[in-house]
N, C-alpha and C. Protein backbone atom coordinates (compact mmCIF):
# COMPACT_ATOMS: atom_id res chain seq x y z
N UNK A 1 10.22 17.68 8.34
CA UNK A 1 10.29 16.38 8.91
C UNK A 1 9.63 15.19 8.43
N UNK A 2 10.28 14.02 8.45
CA UNK A 2 9.87 12.96 7.93
C UNK A 2 8.55 12.50 8.79
N UNK A 3 7.80 11.49 8.24
CA UNK A 3 6.81 10.83 9.14
C UNK A 3 7.26 10.24 10.41
N UNK A 4 8.31 9.41 10.44
CA UNK A 4 8.75 8.94 11.48
C UNK A 4 9.28 9.92 12.46
N UNK A 5 9.93 11.01 12.24
CA UNK A 5 10.21 11.97 12.97
C UNK A 5 9.07 12.73 13.61
N UNK A 6 7.99 13.13 12.92
CA UNK A 6 6.84 13.54 13.45
C UNK A 6 6.21 12.61 14.43
N UNK A 7 6.25 11.22 14.27
CA UNK A 7 5.52 10.33 15.10
C UNK A 7 6.37 10.37 16.59
N UNK A 8 7.65 10.33 16.32
CA UNK A 8 8.54 10.45 17.34
C UNK A 8 8.20 11.50 18.23
N UNK A 9 8.08 12.54 17.60
CA UNK A 9 7.78 13.97 18.21
C UNK A 9 6.67 13.99 19.29
N UNK A 10 5.56 13.47 18.61
CA UNK A 10 4.36 13.24 19.38
C UNK A 10 4.63 12.42 20.49
N UNK A 11 5.34 11.31 20.29
CA UNK A 11 5.55 10.36 21.49
C UNK A 11 6.38 10.87 22.45
N UNK A 12 7.34 11.62 22.18
CA UNK A 12 8.20 12.38 23.06
C UNK A 12 7.48 13.37 23.80
N UNK A 13 6.84 14.24 23.26
CA UNK A 13 5.97 15.22 23.86
C UNK A 13 5.06 14.57 24.99
N UNK A 14 4.36 13.78 24.55
CA UNK A 14 3.41 12.75 25.57
C UNK A 14 4.21 12.43 26.61
N UNK A 15 5.38 11.89 26.49
CA UNK A 15 6.21 11.19 27.48
C UNK A 15 6.89 12.30 28.47
N UNK A 16 7.19 13.51 28.00
CA UNK A 16 7.89 14.42 28.70
C UNK A 16 6.74 15.24 29.61
N UNK A 17 5.46 15.40 28.74
CA UNK A 17 4.40 16.06 29.67
C UNK A 17 3.96 15.30 30.68
N UNK A 18 3.81 13.92 30.63
CA UNK A 18 3.53 12.94 31.71
C UNK A 18 4.46 13.01 32.63
N UNK A 19 5.87 13.18 32.25
CA UNK A 19 6.75 13.05 33.49
C UNK A 19 6.82 14.35 34.31
N UNK A 20 6.33 15.48 33.62
CA UNK A 20 6.32 16.89 34.31
C UNK A 20 4.91 17.39 34.63
N UNK A 21 4.05 16.41 34.76
CA UNK A 21 2.57 16.73 34.78
C UNK A 21 2.51 17.41 36.38
N UNK A 22 3.13 16.84 37.50
CA UNK A 22 3.14 17.56 38.83
C UNK A 22 3.69 19.00 38.75
N UNK A 23 4.77 19.26 38.01
CA UNK A 23 5.49 20.52 37.92
C UNK A 23 4.47 21.45 37.07
N UNK A 24 3.81 21.08 36.13
CA UNK A 24 2.91 21.81 35.29
C UNK A 24 1.60 22.14 36.41
N UNK A 25 1.23 21.24 36.86
CA UNK A 25 -0.08 21.32 37.91
C UNK A 25 0.51 22.39 39.00
N UNK A 26 1.46 22.17 39.61
CA UNK A 26 1.93 23.15 40.50
C UNK A 26 2.21 24.55 40.06
N UNK A 27 2.23 24.67 38.77
CA UNK A 27 2.14 26.08 38.17
C UNK A 27 1.12 26.86 37.73
N UNK A 28 0.09 25.80 38.05
CA UNK A 28 -1.42 26.27 37.78
C UNK A 28 -1.78 25.78 36.48
N UNK A 29 -1.28 24.75 35.75
CA UNK A 29 -1.82 24.29 34.52
C UNK A 29 -2.08 22.94 34.57
N UNK A 30 -3.22 22.49 34.23
CA UNK A 30 -3.35 20.97 34.36
C UNK A 30 -3.45 20.28 32.97
N UNK A 31 -2.37 19.81 32.56
CA UNK A 31 -2.24 19.31 31.13
C UNK A 31 -2.96 17.95 30.98
N UNK A 32 -4.00 17.58 31.89
CA UNK A 32 -4.50 16.22 31.49
C UNK A 32 -5.54 16.12 30.37
N UNK A 33 -6.16 17.04 30.33
CA UNK A 33 -7.11 17.04 29.23
C UNK A 33 -6.55 17.17 27.98
N UNK A 34 -5.51 18.12 27.70
CA UNK A 34 -4.73 18.37 26.21
C UNK A 34 -3.81 16.97 26.15
N UNK A 35 -3.43 16.33 27.12
CA UNK A 35 -2.53 15.29 27.30
C UNK A 35 -3.52 14.15 26.65
N UNK A 36 -4.43 13.84 27.04
CA UNK A 36 -5.62 13.00 26.72
C UNK A 36 -5.96 13.06 25.13
N UNK A 37 -6.13 14.45 24.89
CA UNK A 37 -6.60 14.48 23.54
C UNK A 37 -5.35 14.25 22.42
N UNK A 38 -4.07 14.51 22.98
CA UNK A 38 -3.00 14.20 22.20
C UNK A 38 -2.71 12.60 22.14
N UNK A 39 -2.96 11.97 23.09
CA UNK A 39 -2.95 10.39 23.42
C UNK A 39 -3.58 9.89 21.96
N UNK A 40 -5.04 10.20 22.18
CA UNK A 40 -6.31 9.89 21.23
C UNK A 40 -5.63 9.98 19.84
N UNK A 41 -5.25 11.53 19.47
CA UNK A 41 -4.71 11.54 18.25
C UNK A 41 -3.53 10.72 17.79
N UNK A 42 -2.58 10.38 18.59
CA UNK A 42 -1.57 9.57 18.31
C UNK A 42 -1.97 8.35 18.22
N UNK A 43 -3.01 7.80 18.87
CA UNK A 43 -3.36 6.34 18.68
C UNK A 43 -4.22 6.33 17.43
N UNK A 44 -5.01 7.33 16.99
CA UNK A 44 -5.61 7.49 15.73
C UNK A 44 -4.58 7.48 14.48
N UNK A 45 -3.58 8.20 14.56
CA UNK A 45 -2.48 8.16 13.68
C UNK A 45 -1.81 6.84 13.54
N UNK A 46 -1.46 6.26 14.59
CA UNK A 46 -1.01 4.99 14.58
C UNK A 46 -1.67 3.94 14.03
N UNK A 47 -3.17 3.97 14.10
CA UNK A 47 -4.09 3.09 13.42
C UNK A 47 -4.11 3.24 12.11
N UNK A 48 -4.11 4.56 11.76
CA UNK A 48 -4.15 5.17 10.29
C UNK A 48 -2.99 4.63 9.46
N UNK A 49 -1.87 4.50 10.26
CA UNK A 49 -0.51 4.07 9.70
C UNK A 49 -0.56 2.39 9.34
N UNK A 50 -1.17 1.83 10.53
CA UNK A 50 -1.28 0.33 10.21
C UNK A 50 -2.23 -0.03 9.12
N UNK A 51 -3.29 0.88 9.05
CA UNK A 51 -4.36 0.70 7.90
C UNK A 51 -3.54 1.07 6.58
N UNK A 52 -2.88 2.01 6.49
CA UNK A 52 -1.97 2.50 5.18
C UNK A 52 -1.02 1.08 4.69
N UNK A 53 -0.39 0.64 5.82
CA UNK A 53 0.75 -0.33 5.59
C UNK A 53 -0.17 -1.68 4.88
N UNK A 54 -1.08 -1.93 5.53
CA UNK A 54 -2.11 -3.12 5.22
C UNK A 54 -2.51 -2.90 3.65
N UNK A 55 -3.01 -1.61 3.51
CA UNK A 55 -3.51 -1.42 2.26
C UNK A 55 -2.38 -1.42 1.15
N UNK A 56 -1.20 -0.94 1.38
CA UNK A 56 -0.12 -0.99 0.52
C UNK A 56 0.37 -2.44 0.22
N UNK A 57 0.18 -3.30 1.48
CA UNK A 57 0.60 -4.70 1.32
C UNK A 57 -0.45 -5.64 0.19
N UNK A 58 -1.81 -5.02 0.54
CA UNK A 58 -2.88 -5.56 -0.50
C UNK A 58 -2.78 -4.96 -1.90
N UNK A 59 -2.34 -3.85 -1.92
CA UNK A 59 -2.14 -3.38 -3.38
C UNK A 59 -0.86 -4.05 -4.03
N UNK A 60 0.01 -4.31 -3.52
CA UNK A 60 1.11 -5.09 -4.00
C UNK A 60 0.86 -6.41 -4.31
N UNK A 61 0.00 -7.14 -3.37
CA UNK A 61 -0.62 -8.55 -3.75
C UNK A 61 -1.45 -8.47 -4.98
N UNK A 62 -2.18 -7.47 -5.09
CA UNK A 62 -3.19 -7.39 -6.15
C UNK A 62 -2.45 -7.05 -7.63
N UNK A 63 -1.51 -6.18 -7.60
CA UNK A 63 -0.69 -6.11 -8.53
C UNK A 63 -0.13 -7.44 -9.24
N UNK A 64 0.44 -8.11 -8.12
CA UNK A 64 1.07 -9.31 -8.46
C UNK A 64 0.10 -10.32 -8.98
N UNK A 65 -1.04 -10.33 -8.55
CA UNK A 65 -2.03 -11.16 -9.22
C UNK A 65 -2.43 -10.85 -10.37
N UNK A 66 -2.52 -9.56 -10.62
CA UNK A 66 -3.14 -8.94 -12.02
C UNK A 66 -2.10 -9.36 -12.79
N UNK A 67 -0.84 -9.09 -12.60
CA UNK A 67 0.37 -9.39 -13.56
C UNK A 67 0.49 -10.87 -13.79
N UNK A 68 0.17 -11.61 -12.90
CA UNK A 68 0.21 -13.13 -13.16
C UNK A 68 -0.79 -13.69 -13.94
N UNK A 69 -2.09 -13.19 -13.58
CA UNK A 69 -3.28 -13.75 -14.42
C UNK A 69 -3.08 -13.02 -16.02
N UNK A 70 -2.66 -11.88 -16.02
CA UNK A 70 -2.30 -11.23 -17.57
C UNK A 70 -1.25 -12.06 -18.19
N UNK A 71 -0.18 -12.48 -17.42
CA UNK A 71 0.85 -13.47 -18.03
C UNK A 71 0.22 -14.66 -18.59
N UNK A 72 -0.67 -15.40 -17.77
CA UNK A 72 -1.27 -16.56 -17.87
C UNK A 72 -2.12 -16.34 -19.16
N UNK A 73 -2.95 -15.33 -19.12
CA UNK A 73 -4.00 -15.25 -20.26
C UNK A 73 -3.04 -15.01 -21.58
N UNK A 74 -1.89 -14.17 -21.47
CA UNK A 74 -1.08 -14.09 -22.73
C UNK A 74 -0.49 -15.25 -23.23
N UNK A 75 0.02 -16.15 -22.21
CA UNK A 75 0.67 -17.46 -22.66
C UNK A 75 -0.48 -18.18 -23.39
N UNK A 76 -1.78 -18.16 -22.79
CA UNK A 76 -2.72 -19.06 -23.40
C UNK A 76 -3.34 -18.70 -24.75
N UNK A 77 -3.25 -17.40 -25.05
CA UNK A 77 -3.47 -16.65 -26.22
C UNK A 77 -2.44 -17.08 -27.30
N UNK A 78 -1.40 -17.03 -26.67
CA UNK A 78 -0.13 -17.22 -27.81
C UNK A 78 0.03 -18.74 -28.12
N UNK A 79 -0.24 -19.72 -27.03
CA UNK A 79 -0.39 -21.03 -27.49
C UNK A 79 -1.43 -21.35 -28.30
N UNK A 80 -2.63 -20.70 -28.17
CA UNK A 80 -3.84 -20.67 -29.14
C UNK A 80 -3.51 -20.41 -30.54
N UNK A 81 -2.76 -19.09 -30.53
CA UNK A 81 -2.33 -18.71 -31.89
C UNK A 81 -1.38 -19.81 -32.43
N UNK A 82 -0.71 -20.40 -31.76
CA UNK A 82 0.43 -21.41 -32.40
C UNK A 82 -0.39 -22.69 -32.76
N UNK A 83 -1.26 -22.95 -32.18
CA UNK A 83 -2.30 -24.08 -32.40
C UNK A 83 -2.84 -23.76 -33.95
N UNK A 84 -3.43 -22.45 -33.93
CA UNK A 84 -4.15 -22.29 -35.13
C UNK A 84 -3.28 -22.07 -36.22
N UNK A 85 -1.94 -21.74 -36.05
CA UNK A 85 -0.89 -21.57 -37.28
C UNK A 85 -0.59 -22.98 -37.44
N UNK A 86 -0.41 -23.80 -36.68
CA UNK A 86 -0.06 -25.29 -36.93
C UNK A 86 -1.14 -25.96 -37.82
N UNK A 87 -2.45 -25.55 -37.47
CA UNK A 87 -3.52 -26.07 -38.35
C UNK A 87 -3.55 -25.53 -39.77
N UNK A 88 -3.55 -24.13 -39.87
CA UNK A 88 -4.06 -23.47 -40.96
C UNK A 88 -2.74 -23.22 -41.76
N UNK A 89 -1.46 -23.24 -41.31
CA UNK A 89 -0.28 -22.86 -41.95
C UNK A 89 0.01 -21.43 -41.71
N UNK A 90 1.31 -21.15 -42.17
CA UNK A 90 1.71 -19.85 -41.80
C UNK A 90 1.28 -18.67 -42.70
N UNK A 91 0.75 -19.08 -43.94
CA UNK A 91 0.42 -18.17 -44.99
C UNK A 91 -1.04 -17.96 -45.16
N UNK A 92 -2.03 -18.56 -44.15
CA UNK A 92 -3.23 -18.26 -44.10
C UNK A 92 -3.54 -16.94 -43.64
N UNK A 93 -4.51 -16.33 -43.89
CA UNK A 93 -4.99 -14.81 -43.68
C UNK A 93 -5.06 -14.72 -42.12
N UNK A 94 -5.97 -15.44 -41.67
CA UNK A 94 -6.05 -15.49 -40.03
C UNK A 94 -4.89 -15.56 -39.35
N UNK A 95 -3.89 -16.30 -39.62
CA UNK A 95 -2.49 -16.61 -39.02
C UNK A 95 -1.79 -15.28 -39.19
N UNK A 96 -1.68 -14.74 -40.49
CA UNK A 96 -1.10 -13.41 -40.64
C UNK A 96 -1.70 -12.51 -39.92
N UNK A 97 -3.04 -12.23 -39.74
CA UNK A 97 -3.49 -11.12 -38.93
C UNK A 97 -3.07 -11.56 -37.48
N UNK A 98 -2.97 -12.74 -36.81
CA UNK A 98 -2.75 -12.75 -35.54
C UNK A 98 -1.22 -12.26 -35.28
N UNK A 99 -0.32 -12.92 -36.36
CA UNK A 99 1.04 -12.46 -36.13
C UNK A 99 1.38 -10.95 -36.15
N UNK A 100 0.30 -9.98 -36.79
CA UNK A 100 0.63 -8.62 -36.49
C UNK A 100 0.52 -8.25 -35.21
N UNK A 101 -0.36 -8.86 -34.31
CA UNK A 101 -0.63 -8.40 -32.92
C UNK A 101 0.76 -8.74 -32.14
N UNK A 102 1.17 -9.63 -32.69
CA UNK A 102 2.49 -10.28 -31.57
C UNK A 102 3.66 -9.00 -31.84
N UNK A 103 3.70 -8.40 -33.04
CA UNK A 103 4.87 -7.67 -33.22
C UNK A 103 4.81 -6.08 -32.75
């Protein structure tokens, strides 16, 4: 079963038992305590799902930010290397060493 199917199953069982509570009680079984426990577990599962979705969204944002800051740093380093290359010339030893890192 998928996560959505499991979530729906729990909700459906709660609804069905609530609707049949009188019938079950007439048969000598009071489902109230078990039903209350299942409702708490469903609420906990729903809260955990929300927390998971929020964490996933934050992870995506953090990844995007990390990629952007790395791109910014790379561009700055590349511009800096170009500046040094312009000042010292492409045959300078420092410039040759920097060029090796770009390939």
